[in-house]
Amino acid sequence: MRGFQLTFFTRQDQYHADQPLPDWLVKKARSMGFRGATAIVADQGFGKNRHIYSHHILERPKQPVEVEMIVSEDEARSFFALLRREQLNLFYFKVPVEYGMSRDFE
């Protein structure tokens, strides 16, 4: 099958609808019937403001998190429409992919 890898970049300390934003993204993908989504916590990183984010023992975790999902074109459109309705503005990348199960590959 063909579709897209969507990867969203956020941090553990960012919240939406009273829950951590990475959790919200994964739960929304699940509720929309997507095949899967994964939140990956990074050791450190920086974004457009050039500030280095990482985990510090004495403060709330600010570690970067990538949320990845493989979706169809229609699912991608639906997810971005949801983000607009929720007034979320996240950095992302969208890459065309071929996906499936290894046992079905020919």
Protein backbone atom coordinates (compact mmCIF):
# COMPACT_ATOMS: atom_id res chain seq x y z
CA MET A 1 0.00 0.00 0.00
CA ARG A 2 1.06 3.57 -0.45
CA GLY A 3 0.59 6.46 1.95
CA PHE A 4 2.59 8.86 4.09
CA GLN A 5 4.77 8.88 7.17
CA LEU A 6 3.70 11.82 9.31
CA THR A 7 6.16 12.89 11.98
CA PHE A 8 5.24 15.63 14.44
CA PHE A 9 7.76 17.28 16.75
CA THR A 10 6.81 18.39 20.26
CA ARG A 11 8.06 18.14 23.86
CA GLN A 12 6.99 16.22 26.95
CA ASP A 13 6.04 19.46 28.72
CA GLN A 14 3.60 20.66 26.03
CA TYR A 15 -0.07 20.05 26.79
CA HIS A 16 -3.34 20.11 24.87
CA ALA A 17 -6.79 19.39 26.29
CA ASP A 18 -5.31 18.78 29.77
CA GLN A 19 -2.95 16.02 28.66
CA PRO A 20 0.59 15.85 27.32
CA LEU A 21 0.51 16.73 23.62
CA PRO A 22 2.36 13.55 22.52
CA ASP A 23 -0.27 11.45 24.34
CA TRP A 24 -3.09 13.49 22.79
CA LEU A 25 -1.70 12.95 19.28
CA VAL A 26 -1.37 9.17 19.75
CA LYS A 27 -4.85 8.87 21.28
CA LYS A 28 -6.42 10.91 18.46
CA ALA A 29 -4.71 8.73 15.84
CA ARG A 30 -6.10 5.66 17.60
CA SER A 31 -9.62 7.09 17.89
CA MET A 32 -9.54 7.92 14.16
CA GLY A 33 -8.83 4.27 13.35
CA PHE A 34 -5.23 4.65 12.18
CA ARG A 35 -3.13 1.47 12.07
CA GLY A 36 -0.66 2.81 14.65
CA ALA A 37 1.27 5.73 16.07
CA THR A 38 4.48 5.84 18.06
CA ALA A 39 5.84 8.51 20.40
CA ILE A 40 9.64 8.49 20.55
CA VAL A 41 11.38 10.44 23.33
CA ALA A 42 14.70 11.97 22.28
CA ASP A 43 17.65 12.71 24.53
CA GLN A 44 17.89 16.31 23.37
CA GLY A 45 17.17 18.62 20.46
CA PHE A 46 16.46 22.17 19.36
CA GLY A 47 13.95 23.91 17.15
CA LYS A 48 13.35 27.26 15.52
CA ASN A 49 14.15 29.21 18.70
CA ARG A 50 17.60 27.51 18.80
CA HIS A 51 17.16 26.58 22.50
CA ILE A 52 18.48 23.12 23.44
CA TYR A 53 15.80 21.00 25.11
CA SER A 54 16.75 17.98 27.20
CA HIS A 55 15.91 16.19 30.43
CA HIS A 56 17.06 17.83 33.68
CA ILE A 57 16.48 16.10 36.99
CA LEU A 58 15.36 19.23 38.86
CA GLU A 59 12.71 20.45 36.41
CA ARG A 60 9.71 19.21 34.46
CA PRO A 61 10.85 17.08 31.52
CA LYS A 62 11.34 19.16 28.39
CA GLN A 63 12.67 16.34 26.26
CA PRO A 64 11.80 16.43 22.58
CA VAL A 65 9.26 13.88 21.37
CA GLU A 66 8.56 12.69 17.83
CA VAL A 67 5.13 11.26 17.14
CA GLU A 68 5.13 9.11 14.00
CA MET A 69 2.30 7.47 12.10
CA ILE A 70 1.83 5.85 8.71
CA VAL A 71 -1.41 6.97 7.09
CA SER A 72 -3.33 6.98 3.83
CA GLU A 73 -3.82 10.22 1.93
CA ASP A 74 -7.38 10.55 3.29
CA GLU A 75 -6.20 9.90 6.85
CA ALA A 76 -3.50 12.58 6.47
CA ARG A 77 -6.10 15.10 5.29
CA SER A 78 -8.39 14.20 8.20
CA PHE A 79 -5.60 14.50 10.77
CA PHE A 80 -4.45 17.91 9.53
CA ALA A 81 -8.10 19.08 9.53
CA LEU A 82 -8.32 17.97 13.18
CA LEU A 83 -5.14 19.89 14.05
CA ARG A 84 -6.60 23.03 12.42
CA ARG A 85 -9.88 22.66 14.36
CA GLU A 86 -7.90 22.21 17.59
CA GLN A 87 -5.80 25.27 16.69
CA LEU A 88 -2.56 23.31 16.98
CA ASN A 89 0.43 24.50 14.99
CA LEU A 90 3.10 21.78 15.03
CA PHE A 91 6.26 21.34 13.02
CA TYR A 92 5.97 18.17 10.94
CA PHE A 93 7.26 16.33 7.95
CA LYS A 94 5.26 14.20 5.54
CA VAL A 95 7.05 11.61 3.42
CA PRO A 96 5.55 9.28 0.80
CA VAL A 97 5.98 5.63 1.85
CA GLU A 98 5.07 2.15 0.79
CA TYR A 99 3.85 0.07 3.73
CA GLY A 100 2.42 -3.30 4.57
CA MET A 101 3.23 -6.52 6.39
CA SER A 102 6.47 -8.35 5.59
CA ARG A 103 4.67 -11.65 4.94
CA ASP A 104 2.68 -9.95 2.14
CA PHE A 105 5.72 -8.47 0.35
CA GLU A 106 6.41 -9.85 -3.11
